[in-house]
Amino acid sequence: MEPHMATLSEAVPQESSSYTSPLRVLARSFQKSRDRWKQKYKGLQDRIKAFRTEVRDLRRSRDRWQAKADYLKRQLDELRAEARRSAEQPPPAPSPRSSPLPTRHWG
C-alpha cells in the first residue's frame, strides 16, 4: 500500500488515542467546531471591516470640517483686518460745495 493512501485507522492508532468516541462521531464534532470557529472569525472580520470603513468616513468628515473651519477663520481674519484699516482711516473731508450744516428753508 502507498504511504499517502493510508486509511484513517492506520493514521490514528486506536490504542494511543485518548478519545473514547467513534472516529466518525469525533470527525463530525471537529467539523462542527471548525465551522463554528470559521463563522465566528468571519463575523469578527466583517465587524473589523465595518469599523475601518466608519473610521475612514469619520476621518474624511473631520478633514472636511477642519478645512471649512480654516477657510472661515481666514475670512474672519481678513474682515477684521479690513475693519481695523477702515477704523484707522480718518473720515473723508466734506466737499467744499456742500455746507457742513443743512439749512432749512421756511417758506
PDB file of N, CA and C in Angstrom:
ATOM      1  N   MET A   1       0.831  -1.161   0.000  1.00  0.00           N
ATOM      2  CA  MET A   1       0.000   0.000   0.000  1.00  0.00           C
ATOM      3  C   MET A   1       0.889   1.242   0.000  1.00  0.00           C
ATOM      4  N   GLU A   2       0.484   2.301  -0.760  1.00  0.00           N
ATOM      5  CA  GLU A   2       1.275   3.524  -0.857  1.00  0.00           C
ATOM      6  C   GLU A   2       1.142   4.326   0.434  1.00  0.00           C
ATOM      7  N   PRO A   3       2.167   5.106   0.816  1.00  0.00           N
ATOM      8  CA  PRO A   3       2.139   5.828   2.084  1.00  0.00           C
ATOM      9  C   PRO A   3       1.058   6.909   2.147  1.00  0.00           C
ATOM     10  N   HIS A   4       0.768   7.560   1.028  1.00  0.00           N
ATOM     11  CA  HIS A   4      -0.220   8.628   1.068  1.00  0.00           C
ATOM     12  C   HIS A   4      -1.658   8.095   1.015  1.00  0.00           C
ATOM     13  N   MET A   5      -1.858   6.858   0.841  1.00  0.00           N
ATOM     14  CA  MET A   5      -3.179   6.264   0.767  1.00  0.00           C
ATOM     15  C   MET A   5      -3.553   5.558   2.082  1.00  0.00           C
ATOM     16  N   ALA A   6      -2.949   5.943   3.170  1.00  0.00           N
ATOM     17  CA  ALA A   6      -3.228   5.285   4.447  1.00  0.00           C
ATOM     18  C   ALA A   6      -4.666   5.570   4.864  1.00  0.00           C
ATOM     19  N   THR A   7      -5.266   4.594   5.500  1.00  0.00           N
ATOM     20  CA  THR A   7      -6.640   4.781   5.972  1.00  0.00           C
ATOM     21  C   THR A   7      -6.624   5.513   7.297  1.00  0.00           C
ATOM     22  N   LEU A   8      -7.794   5.978   7.726  1.00  0.00           N
ATOM     23  CA  LEU A   8      -7.905   6.734   8.960  1.00  0.00           C
ATOM     24  C   LEU A   8      -7.468   5.901  10.153  1.00  0.00           C
ATOM     25  N   SER A   9      -7.796   4.632  10.138  1.00  0.00           N
ATOM     26  CA  SER A   9      -7.432   3.782  11.270  1.00  0.00           C
ATOM     27  C   SER A   9      -5.918   3.575  11.361  1.00  0.00           C
ATOM     28  N   GLU A  10      -5.225   3.623  10.200  1.00  0.00           N
ATOM     29  CA  GLU A  10      -3.778   3.493  10.215  1.00  0.00           C
ATOM     30  C   GLU A  10      -3.112   4.801  10.621  1.00  0.00           C
ATOM     31  N   ALA A  11      -3.738   5.940  10.267  1.00  0.00           N
ATOM     32  CA  ALA A  11      -3.163   7.242  10.571  1.00  0.00           C
ATOM     33  C   ALA A  11      -3.274   7.547  12.061  1.00  0.00           C
ATOM     34  N   VAL A  12      -4.362   7.115  12.704  1.00  0.00           N
ATOM     35  CA  VAL A  12      -4.551   7.370  14.129  1.00  0.00           C
ATOM     36  C   VAL A  12      -4.710   6.025  14.823  1.00  0.00           C
ATOM     37  N   PRO A  13      -3.665   5.547  15.451  1.00  0.00           N
ATOM     38  CA  PRO A  13      -3.784   4.255  16.134  1.00  0.00           C
ATOM     39  C   PRO A  13      -4.793   4.353  17.270  1.00  0.00           C
ATOM     40  N   GLN A  14      -5.645   3.365  17.381  1.00  0.00           N
ATOM     41  CA  GLN A  14      -6.719   3.377  18.374  1.00  0.00           C
ATOM     42  C   GLN A  14      -6.180   3.327  19.800  1.00  0.00           C
ATOM     43  N   GLU A  15      -5.140   2.567  20.034  1.00  0.00           N
ATOM     44  CA  GLU A  15      -4.675   2.401  21.411  1.00  0.00           C
ATOM     45  C   GLU A  15      -4.004   3.666  21.965  1.00  0.00           C
ATOM     46  N   SER A  16      -3.481   4.566  21.095  1.00  0.00           N
ATOM     47  CA  SER A  16      -2.827   5.767  21.592  1.00  0.00           C
ATOM     48  C   SER A  16      -3.801   6.938  21.727  1.00  0.00           C
ATOM     49  N   SER A  17      -5.024   6.789  21.256  1.00  0.00           N
ATOM     50  CA  SER A  17      -5.996   7.869  21.296  1.00  0.00           C
ATOM     51  C   SER A  17      -6.614   7.991  22.684  1.00  0.00           C
ATOM     52  N   SER A  18      -6.792   9.261  23.143  1.00  0.00           N
ATOM     53  CA  SER A  18      -7.442   9.484  24.435  1.00  0.00           C
ATOM     54  C   SER A  18      -8.945   9.644  24.263  1.00  0.00           C
ATOM     55  N   TYR A  19      -9.418   9.647  23.012  1.00  0.00           N
ATOM     56  CA  TYR A  19     -10.848   9.771  22.733  1.00  0.00           C
ATOM     57  C   TYR A  19     -11.493   8.391  22.803  1.00  0.00           C
ATOM     58  N   THR A  20     -12.673   8.339  23.414  1.00  0.00           N
ATOM     59  CA  THR A  20     -13.373   7.056  23.507  1.00  0.00           C
ATOM     60  C   THR A  20     -14.508   6.947  22.506  1.00  0.00           C
ATOM     61  N   SER A  21     -14.902   8.096  21.902  1.00  0.00           N
ATOM     62  CA  SER A  21     -15.986   8.075  20.926  1.00  0.00           C
ATOM     63  C   SER A  21     -15.496   7.519  19.600  1.00  0.00           C
ATOM     64  N   PRO A  22     -16.412   7.001  18.781  1.00  0.00           N
ATOM     65  CA  PRO A  22     -16.018   6.510  17.449  1.00  0.00           C
ATOM     66  C   PRO A  22     -15.466   7.659  16.597  1.00  0.00           C
ATOM     67  N   LEU A  23     -14.586   7.338  15.683  1.00  0.00           N
ATOM     68  CA  LEU A  23     -13.940   8.358  14.855  1.00  0.00           C
ATOM     69  C   LEU A  23     -14.938   9.149  14.028  1.00  0.00           C
ATOM     70  N   ARG A  24     -15.995   8.496  13.532  1.00  0.00           N
ATOM     71  CA  ARG A  24     -16.974   9.221  12.720  1.00  0.00           C
ATOM     72  C   ARG A  24     -17.666  10.294  13.549  1.00  0.00           C
ATOM     73  N   VAL A  25     -17.933  10.011  14.833  1.00  0.00           N
ATOM     74  CA  VAL A  25     -18.561  10.995  15.713  1.00  0.00           C
ATOM     75  C   VAL A  25     -17.572  12.125  16.005  1.00  0.00           C
ATOM     76  N   LEU A  26     -16.329  11.760  16.262  1.00  0.00           N
ATOM     77  CA  LEU A  26     -15.301  12.771  16.513  1.00  0.00           C
ATOM     78  C   LEU A  26     -15.099  13.668  15.296  1.00  0.00           C
ATOM     79  N   ALA A  27     -15.073  13.061  14.118  1.00  0.00           N
ATOM     80  CA  ALA A  27     -14.868  13.833  12.892  1.00  0.00           C
ATOM     81  C   ALA A  27     -15.992  14.845  12.707  1.00  0.00           C
ATOM     82  N   ARG A  28     -17.227  14.409  12.930  1.00  0.00           N
ATOM     83  CA  ARG A  28     -18.377  15.321  12.794  1.00  0.00           C
ATOM     84  C   ARG A  28     -18.293  16.436  13.842  1.00  0.00           C
ATOM     85  N   SER A  29     -17.916  16.108  15.058  1.00  0.00           N
ATOM     86  CA  SER A  29     -17.778  17.094  16.130  1.00  0.00           C
ATOM     87  C   SER A  29     -16.685  18.112  15.800  1.00  0.00           C
ATOM     88  N   PHE A  30     -15.547  17.617  15.334  1.00  0.00           N
ATOM     89  CA  PHE A  30     -14.451  18.513  14.978  1.00  0.00           C
ATOM     90  C   PHE A  30     -14.832  19.414  13.805  1.00  0.00           C
ATOM     91  N   GLN A  31     -15.572  18.865  12.848  1.00  0.00           N
ATOM     92  CA  GLN A  31     -16.000  19.653  11.702  1.00  0.00           C
ATOM     93  C   GLN A  31     -16.958  20.753  12.145  1.00  0.00           C
ATOM     94  N   LYS A  32     -17.914  20.424  13.014  1.00  0.00           N
ATOM     95  CA  LYS A  32     -18.838  21.442  13.520  1.00  0.00           C
ATOM     96  C   LYS A  32     -18.085  22.527  14.290  1.00  0.00           C
ATOM     97  N   SER A  33     -17.126  22.078  15.084  1.00  0.00           N
ATOM     98  CA  SER A  33     -16.326  23.035  15.853  1.00  0.00           C
ATOM     99  C   SER A  33     -15.562  23.960  14.912  1.00  0.00           C
ATOM    100  N   ARG A  34     -14.976  23.387  13.878  1.00  0.00           N
ATOM    101  CA  ARG A  34     -14.251  24.194  12.891  1.00  0.00           C
ATOM    102  C   ARG A  34     -15.184  25.167  12.185  1.00  0.00           C
ATOM    103  N   ASP A  35     -16.379  24.692  11.808  1.00  0.00           N
ATOM    104  CA  ASP A  35     -17.337  25.557  11.118  1.00  0.00           C
ATOM    105  C   ASP A  35     -17.782  26.712  12.017  1.00  0.00           C
ATOM    106  N   ARG A  36     -18.017  26.430  13.314  1.00  0.00           N
ATOM    107  CA  ARG A  36     -18.395  27.493  14.247  1.00  0.00           C
ATOM    108  C   ARG A  36     -17.264  28.510  14.386  1.00  0.00           C
ATOM    109  N   TRP A  37     -16.028  28.018  14.479  1.00  0.00           N
ATOM    110  CA  TRP A  37     -14.887  28.906  14.599  1.00  0.00           C
ATOM    111  C   TRP A  37     -14.764  29.788  13.351  1.00  0.00           C
ATOM    112  N   LYS A  38     -14.928  29.191  12.180  1.00  0.00           N
ATOM    113  CA  LYS A  38     -14.847  29.963  10.936  1.00  0.00           C
ATOM    114  C   LYS A  38     -15.950  31.013  10.870  1.00  0.00           C
ATOM    115  N   GLN A  39     -17.162  30.637  11.288  1.00  0.00           N
ATOM    116  CA  GLN A  39     -18.280  31.575  11.273  1.00  0.00           C
ATOM    117  C   GLN A  39     -18.007  32.738  12.234  1.00  0.00           C
ATOM    118  N   LYS A  40     -17.505  32.422  13.412  1.00  0.00           N
ATOM    119  CA  LYS A  40     -17.183  33.458  14.390  1.00  0.00           C
ATOM    120  C   LYS A  40     -16.095  34.380  13.846  1.00  0.00           C
ATOM    121  N   TYR A  41     -15.065  33.812  13.262  1.00  0.00           N
ATOM    122  CA  TYR A  41     -13.974  34.587  12.700  1.00  0.00           C
ATOM    123  C   TYR A  41     -14.472  35.480  11.568  1.00  0.00           C
ATOM    124  N   LYS A  42     -15.343  34.929  10.712  1.00  0.00           N
ATOM    125  CA  LYS A  42     -15.908  35.710   9.599  1.00  0.00           C
ATOM    126  C   LYS A  42     -16.708  36.886  10.140  1.00  0.00           C
ATOM    127  N   GLY A  43     -17.500  36.639  11.181  1.00  0.00           N
ATOM    128  CA  GLY A  43     -18.268  37.729  11.799  1.00  0.00           C
ATOM    129  C   GLY A  43     -17.356  38.811  12.355  1.00  0.00           C
ATOM    130  N   LEU A  44     -16.276  38.407  12.988  1.00  0.00           N
ATOM    131  CA  LEU A  44     -15.324  39.390  13.517  1.00  0.00           C
ATOM    132  C   LEU A  44     -14.657  40.174  12.394  1.00  0.00           C
ATOM    133  N   GLN A  45     -14.315  39.481  11.330  1.00  0.00           N
ATOM    134  CA  GLN A  45     -13.700  40.159  10.178  1.00  0.00           C
ATOM    135  C   GLN A  45     -14.671  41.184   9.583  1.00  0.00           C
ATOM    136  N   ASP A  46     -15.959  40.823   9.510  1.00  0.00           N
ATOM    137  CA  ASP A  46     -16.968  41.762   8.997  1.00  0.00           C
ATOM    138  C   ASP A  46     -17.067  42.993   9.898  1.00  0.00           C
ATOM    139  N   ARG A  47     -17.033  42.778  11.217  1.00  0.00           N
ATOM    140  CA  ARG A  47     -17.091  43.914  12.152  1.00  0.00           C
ATOM    141  C   ARG A  47     -15.862  44.802  12.009  1.00  0.00           C
ATOM    142  N   ILE A  48     -14.693  44.176  11.853  1.00  0.00           N
ATOM    143  CA  ILE A  48     -13.460  44.947  11.677  1.00  0.00           C
ATOM    144  C   ILE A  48     -13.558  45.800  10.417  1.00  0.00           C
ATOM    145  N   LYS A  49     -14.051  45.206   9.345  1.00  0.00           N
ATOM    146  CA  LYS A  49     -14.184  45.943   8.085  1.00  0.00           C
ATOM    147  C   LYS A  49     -15.151  47.115   8.248  1.00  0.00           C
ATOM    148  N   ALA A  50     -16.275  46.872   8.948  1.00  0.00           N
ATOM    149  CA  ALA A  50     -17.251  47.945   9.176  1.00  0.00           C
ATOM    150  C   ALA A  50     -16.635  49.064  10.014  1.00  0.00           C
ATOM    151  N   PHE A  51     -15.864  48.703  11.048  1.00  0.00           N
ATOM    152  CA  PHE A  51     -15.214  49.720  11.874  1.00  0.00           C
ATOM    153  C   PHE A  51     -14.194  50.510  11.073  1.00  0.00           C
ATOM    154  N   ARG A  52     -13.439  49.825  10.236  1.00  0.00           N
ATOM    155  CA  ARG A  52     -12.444  50.533   9.415  1.00  0.00           C
ATOM    156  C   ARG A  52     -13.129  51.501   8.458  1.00  0.00           C
ATOM    157  N   THR A  53     -14.233  51.069   7.878  1.00  0.00           N
ATOM    158  CA  THR A  53     -14.982  51.940   6.970  1.00  0.00           C
ATOM    159  C   THR A  53     -15.503  53.158   7.730  1.00  0.00           C
ATOM    160  N   GLU A  54     -16.036  52.924   8.922  1.00  0.00           N
ATOM    161  CA  GLU A  54     -16.559  54.030   9.727  1.00  0.00           C
ATOM    162  C   GLU A  54     -15.438  54.998  10.102  1.00  0.00           C
ATOM    163  N   VAL A  55     -14.293  54.486  10.493  1.00  0.00           N
ATOM    164  CA  VAL A  55     -13.159  55.341  10.839  1.00  0.00           C
ATOM    165  C   VAL A  55     -12.726  56.156   9.628  1.00  0.00           C
ATOM    166  N   ARG A  56     -12.665  55.525   8.475  1.00  0.00           N
ATOM    167  CA  ARG A  56     -12.285  56.238   7.246  1.00  0.00           C
ATOM    168  C   ARG A  56     -13.261  57.372   6.955  1.00  0.00           C
ATOM    169  N   ASP A  57     -14.562  57.069   7.060  1.00  0.00           N
ATOM    170  CA  ASP A  57     -15.576  58.091   6.795  1.00  0.00           C
ATOM    171  C   ASP A  57     -15.502  59.228   7.806  1.00  0.00           C
ATOM    172  N   LEU A  58     -15.289  58.895   9.072  1.00  0.00           N
ATOM    173  CA  LEU A  58     -15.186  59.933  10.104  1.00  0.00           C
ATOM    174  C   LEU A  58     -13.955  60.805   9.891  1.00  0.00           C
ATOM    175  N   ARG A  59     -12.855  60.194   9.479  1.00  0.00           N
ATOM    176  CA  ARG A  59     -11.645  60.986   9.200  1.00  0.00           C
ATOM    177  C   ARG A  59     -11.888  61.941   8.033  1.00  0.00           C
ATOM    178  N   ARG A  60     -12.532  61.453   7.002  1.00  0.00           N
ATOM    179  CA  ARG A  60     -12.832  62.328   5.851  1.00  0.00           C
ATOM    180  C   ARG A  60     -13.730  63.473   6.272  1.00  0.00           C
ATOM    181  N   SER A  61     -14.746  63.167   7.061  1.00  0.00           N
ATOM    182  CA  SER A  61     -15.665  64.201   7.537  1.00  0.00           C
ATOM    183  C   SER A  61     -14.914  65.221   8.391  1.00  0.00           C
ATOM    184  N   ARG A  62     -14.086  64.727   9.302  1.00  0.00           N
ATOM    185  CA  ARG A  62     -13.301  65.627  10.153  1.00  0.00           C
ATOM    186  C   ARG A  62     -12.397  66.511   9.307  1.00  0.00           C
ATOM    187  N   ASP A  63     -11.765  65.945   8.296  1.00  0.00           N
ATOM    188  CA  ASP A  63     -10.884  66.730   7.432  1.00  0.00           C
ATOM    189  C   ASP A  63     -11.657  67.803   6.675  1.00  0.00           C
ATOM    190  N   ARG A  64     -12.864  67.450   6.201  1.00  0.00           N
ATOM    191  CA  ARG A  64     -13.698  68.443   5.506  1.00  0.00           C
ATOM    192  C   ARG A  64     -14.086  69.577   6.449  1.00  0.00           C
ATOM    193  N   TRP A  65     -14.513  69.234   7.662  1.00  0.00           N
ATOM    194  CA  TRP A  65     -14.901  70.266   8.628  1.00  0.00           C
ATOM    195  C   TRP A  65     -13.702  71.120   9.017  1.00  0.00           C
ATOM    196  N   GLN A  66     -12.551  70.493   9.157  1.00  0.00           N
ATOM    197  CA  GLN A  66     -11.337  71.240   9.503  1.00  0.00           C
ATOM    198  C   GLN A  66     -10.989  72.225   8.394  1.00  0.00           C
ATOM    199  N   ALA A  67     -11.084  71.783   7.146  1.00  0.00           N
ATOM    200  CA  ALA A  67     -10.788  72.668   6.016  1.00  0.00           C
ATOM    201  C   ALA A  67     -11.788  73.829   5.980  1.00  0.00           C
ATOM    202  N   LYS A  68     -13.054  73.540   6.242  1.00  0.00           N
ATOM    203  CA  LYS A  68     -14.076  74.591   6.245  1.00  0.00           C
ATOM    204  C   LYS A  68     -13.809  75.579   7.377  1.00  0.00           C
ATOM    205  N   ALA A  69     -13.468  75.079   8.554  1.00  0.00           N
ATOM    206  CA  ALA A  69     -13.172  75.946   9.690  1.00  0.00           C
ATOM    207  C   ALA A  69     -11.957  76.821   9.389  1.00  0.00           C
ATOM    208  N   ASP A  70     -10.921  76.258   8.779  1.00  0.00           N
ATOM    209  CA  ASP A  70      -9.727  77.029   8.426  1.00  0.00           C
ATOM    210  C   ASP A  70     -10.075  78.130   7.424  1.00  0.00           C
ATOM    211  N   TYR A  71     -10.891  77.802   6.430  1.00  0.00           N
ATOM    212  CA  TYR A  71     -11.309  78.779   5.423  1.00  0.00           C
ATOM    213  C   TYR A  71     -12.084  79.922   6.075  1.00  0.00           C
ATOM    214  N   LEU A  72     -13.033  79.573   6.934  1.00  0.00           N
ATOM    215  CA  LEU A  72     -13.839  80.605   7.588  1.00  0.00           C
ATOM    216  C   LEU A  72     -12.999  81.449   8.546  1.00  0.00           C
ATOM    217  N   LYS A  73     -12.014  80.856   9.198  1.00  0.00           N
ATOM    218  CA  LYS A  73     -11.130  81.618  10.089  1.00  0.00           C
ATOM    219  C   LYS A  73     -10.316  82.619   9.278  1.00  0.00           C
ATOM    220  N   ARG A  74      -9.815  82.191   8.122  1.00  0.00           N
ATOM    221  CA  ARG A  74      -9.071  83.122   7.267  1.00  0.00           C
ATOM    222  C   ARG A  74      -9.965  84.276   6.824  1.00  0.00           C
ATOM    223  N   GLN A  75     -11.208  83.965   6.440  1.00  0.00           N
ATOM    224  CA  GLN A  75     -12.139  85.019   6.029  1.00  0.00           C
ATOM    225  C   GLN A  75     -12.390  85.992   7.175  1.00  0.00           C
ATOM    226  N   LEU A  76     -12.606  85.452   8.378  1.00  0.00           N
ATOM    227  CA  LEU A  76     -12.853  86.295   9.537  1.00  0.00           C
ATOM    228  C   LEU A  76     -11.649  87.187   9.835  1.00  0.00           C
ATOM    229  N   ASP A  77     -10.447  86.627   9.755  1.00  0.00           N
ATOM    230  CA  ASP A  77      -9.240  87.423   9.975  1.00  0.00           C
ATOM    231  C   ASP A  77      -9.131  88.547   8.948  1.00  0.00           C
ATOM    232  N   GLU A  78      -9.453  88.251   7.688  1.00  0.00           N
ATOM    233  CA  GLU A  78      -9.409  89.278   6.644  1.00  0.00           C
ATOM    234  C   GLU A  78     -10.432  90.365   6.912  1.00  0.00           C
ATOM    235  N   LEU A  79     -11.638  90.005   7.305  1.00  0.00           N
ATOM    236  CA  LEU A  79     -12.677  91.003   7.588  1.00  0.00           C
ATOM    237  C   LEU A  79     -12.311  91.865   8.789  1.00  0.00           C
ATOM    238  N   ARG A  80     -11.724  91.246   9.812  1.00  0.00           N
ATOM    239  CA  ARG A  80     -11.296  92.025  10.983  1.00  0.00           C
ATOM    240  C   ARG A  80     -10.184  92.998  10.610  1.00  0.00           C
ATOM    241  N   ALA A  81      -9.236  92.541   9.794  1.00  0.00           N
ATOM    242  CA  ALA A  81      -8.149  93.415   9.349  1.00  0.00           C
ATOM    243  C   ALA A  81      -8.712  94.571   8.528  1.00  0.00           C
ATOM    244  N   GLU A  82      -9.650  94.298   7.682  1.00  0.00           N
ATOM    245  CA  GLU A  82     -10.286  95.343   6.857  1.00  0.00           C
ATOM    246  C   GLU A  82     -11.029  96.338   7.747  1.00  0.00           C
ATOM    247  N   ALA A  83     -11.724  95.842   8.770  1.00  0.00           N
ATOM    248  CA  ALA A  83     -12.445  96.724   9.686  1.00  0.00           C
ATOM    249  C   ALA A  83     -11.464  97.600  10.461  1.00  0.00           C
ATOM    250  N   ARG A  84     -10.324  97.024  10.875  1.00  0.00           N
ATOM    251  CA  ARG A  84      -9.311  97.814  11.575  1.00  0.00           C
ATOM    252  C   ARG A  84      -8.740  98.914  10.680  1.00  0.00           C
ATOM    253  N   ARG A  85      -8.473  98.547   9.428  1.00  0.00           N
ATOM    254  CA  ARG A  85      -7.930  99.539   8.498  1.00  0.00           C
ATOM    255  C   ARG A  85      -8.924 100.671   8.276  1.00  0.00           C
ATOM    256  N   SER A  86     -10.192 100.330   8.121  1.00  0.00           N
ATOM    257  CA  SER A  86     -11.177 101.389   7.882  1.00  0.00           C
ATOM    258  C   SER A  86     -11.415 102.210   9.143  1.00  0.00           C
ATOM    259  N   ALA A  87     -11.253 101.649  10.324  1.00  0.00           N
ATOM    260  CA  ALA A  87     -11.413 102.401  11.567  1.00  0.00           C
ATOM    261  C   ALA A  87     -10.228 103.332  11.788  1.00  0.00           C
ATOM    262  N   GLU A  88      -9.053 102.957  11.305  1.00  0.00           N
ATOM    263  CA  GLU A  88      -7.864 103.793  11.474  1.00  0.00           C
ATOM    264  C   GLU A  88      -7.841 104.971  10.503  1.00  0.00           C
ATOM    265  N   GLN A  89      -8.528 104.896   9.404  1.00  0.00           N
ATOM    266  CA  GLN A  89      -8.538 105.977   8.421  1.00  0.00           C
ATOM    267  C   GLN A  89      -9.437 107.102   8.923  1.00  0.00           C
ATOM    268  N   PRO A  90      -9.006 108.357   8.723  1.00  0.00           N
ATOM    269  CA  PRO A  90      -9.871 109.475   9.125  1.00  0.00           C
ATOM    270  C   PRO A  90     -11.097 109.540   8.218  1.00  0.00           C
ATOM    271  N   PRO A  91     -12.176 110.084   8.736  1.00  0.00           N
ATOM    272  CA  PRO A  91     -13.371 110.183   7.884  1.00  0.00           C
ATOM    273  C   PRO A  91     -13.091 111.124   6.716  1.00  0.00           C
ATOM    274  N   PRO A  92     -13.746 110.947   5.616  1.00  0.00           N
ATOM    275  CA  PRO A  92     -13.488 111.810   4.458  1.00  0.00           C
ATOM    276  C   PRO A  92     -13.891 113.265   4.765  1.00  0.00           C
ATOM    277  N   ALA A  93     -13.107 114.197   4.248  1.00  0.00           N
ATOM    278  CA  ALA A  93     -13.405 115.620   4.448  1.00  0.00           C
ATOM    279  C   ALA A  93     -14.630 115.997   3.634  1.00  0.00           C
ATOM    280  N   PRO A  94     -15.442 116.918   4.160  1.00  0.00           N
ATOM    281  CA  PRO A  94     -16.633 117.333   3.392  1.00  0.00           C
ATOM    282  C   PRO A  94     -16.210 118.079   2.134  1.00  0.00           C
ATOM    283  N   SER A  95     -16.990 117.948   1.120  1.00  0.00           N
ATOM    284  CA  SER A  95     -16.653 118.621  -0.132  1.00  0.00           C
ATOM    285  C   SER A  95     -16.945 120.115   0.018  1.00  0.00           C
ATOM    286  N   PRO A  96     -16.191 120.967  -0.660  1.00  0.00           N
ATOM    287  CA  PRO A  96     -16.363 122.415  -0.489  1.00  0.00           C
ATOM    288  C   PRO A  96     -17.704 122.928  -0.995  1.00  0.00           C
ATOM    289  N   ARG A  97     -18.353 122.252  -1.880  1.00  0.00           N
ATOM    290  CA  ARG A  97     -19.619 122.719  -2.433  1.00  0.00           C
ATOM    291  C   ARG A  97     -20.774 122.563  -1.457  1.00  0.00           C
ATOM    292  N   SER A  98     -20.687 121.603  -0.580  1.00  0.00           N
ATOM    293  CA  SER A  98     -21.810 121.383   0.325  1.00  0.00           C
ATOM    294  C   SER A  98     -21.539 122.087   1.641  1.00  0.00           C
ATOM    295  N   SER A  99     -22.594 122.570   2.257  1.00  0.00           N
ATOM    296  CA  SER A  99     -22.429 123.245   3.536  1.00  0.00           C
ATOM    297  C   SER A  99     -22.354 122.187   4.623  1.00  0.00           C
ATOM    298  N   PRO A 100     -21.616 122.482   5.691  1.00  0.00           N
ATOM    299  CA  PRO A 100     -21.481 121.485   6.729  1.00  0.00           C
ATOM    300  C   PRO A 100     -22.791 121.226   7.456  1.00  0.00           C
ATOM    301  N   LEU A 101     -23.656 122.207   7.587  1.00  0.00           N
ATOM    302  CA  LEU A 101     -24.929 122.005   8.266  1.00  0.00           C
ATOM    303  C   LEU A 101     -26.062 122.163   7.270  1.00  0.00           C
ATOM    304  N   PRO A 102     -27.038 121.354   7.356  1.00  0.00           N
ATOM    305  CA  PRO A 102     -28.161 121.525   6.431  1.00  0.00           C
ATOM    306  C   PRO A 102     -28.942 122.781   6.813  1.00  0.00           C
ATOM    307  N   THR A 103     -29.366 123.479   5.818  1.00  0.00           N
ATOM    308  CA  THR A 103     -30.174 124.691   6.065  1.00  0.00           C
ATOM    309  C   THR A 103     -31.620 124.361   5.836  1.00  0.00           C
ATOM    310  N   ARG A 104     -32.408 125.054   6.602  1.00  0.00           N
ATOM    311  CA  ARG A 104     -33.847 124.836   6.479  1.00  0.00           C
ATOM    312  C   ARG A 104     -34.474 126.050   5.840  1.00  0.00           C
ATOM    313  N   HIS A 105     -35.245 125.831   4.895  1.00  0.00           N
ATOM    314  CA  HIS A 105     -35.933 126.913   4.197  1.00  0.00           C
ATOM    315  C   HIS A 105     -37.357 126.961   4.673  1.00  0.00           C
ATOM    316  N   TRP A 106     -37.731 128.112   5.194  1.00  0.00           N
ATOM    317  CA  TRP A 106     -39.112 128.314   5.649  1.00  0.00           C
ATOM    318  C   TRP A 106     -39.867 129.008   4.538  1.00  0.00           C
ATOM    319  N   GLY A 107     -40.835 128.569   4.223  1.00  0.00           N
ATOM    320  CA  GLY A 107     -41.446 129.166   3.096  1.00  0.00           C
ATOM    321  C   GLY A 107     -42.814 129.567   3.088  1.00  0.00           C
TER     322      GLY A 107
END
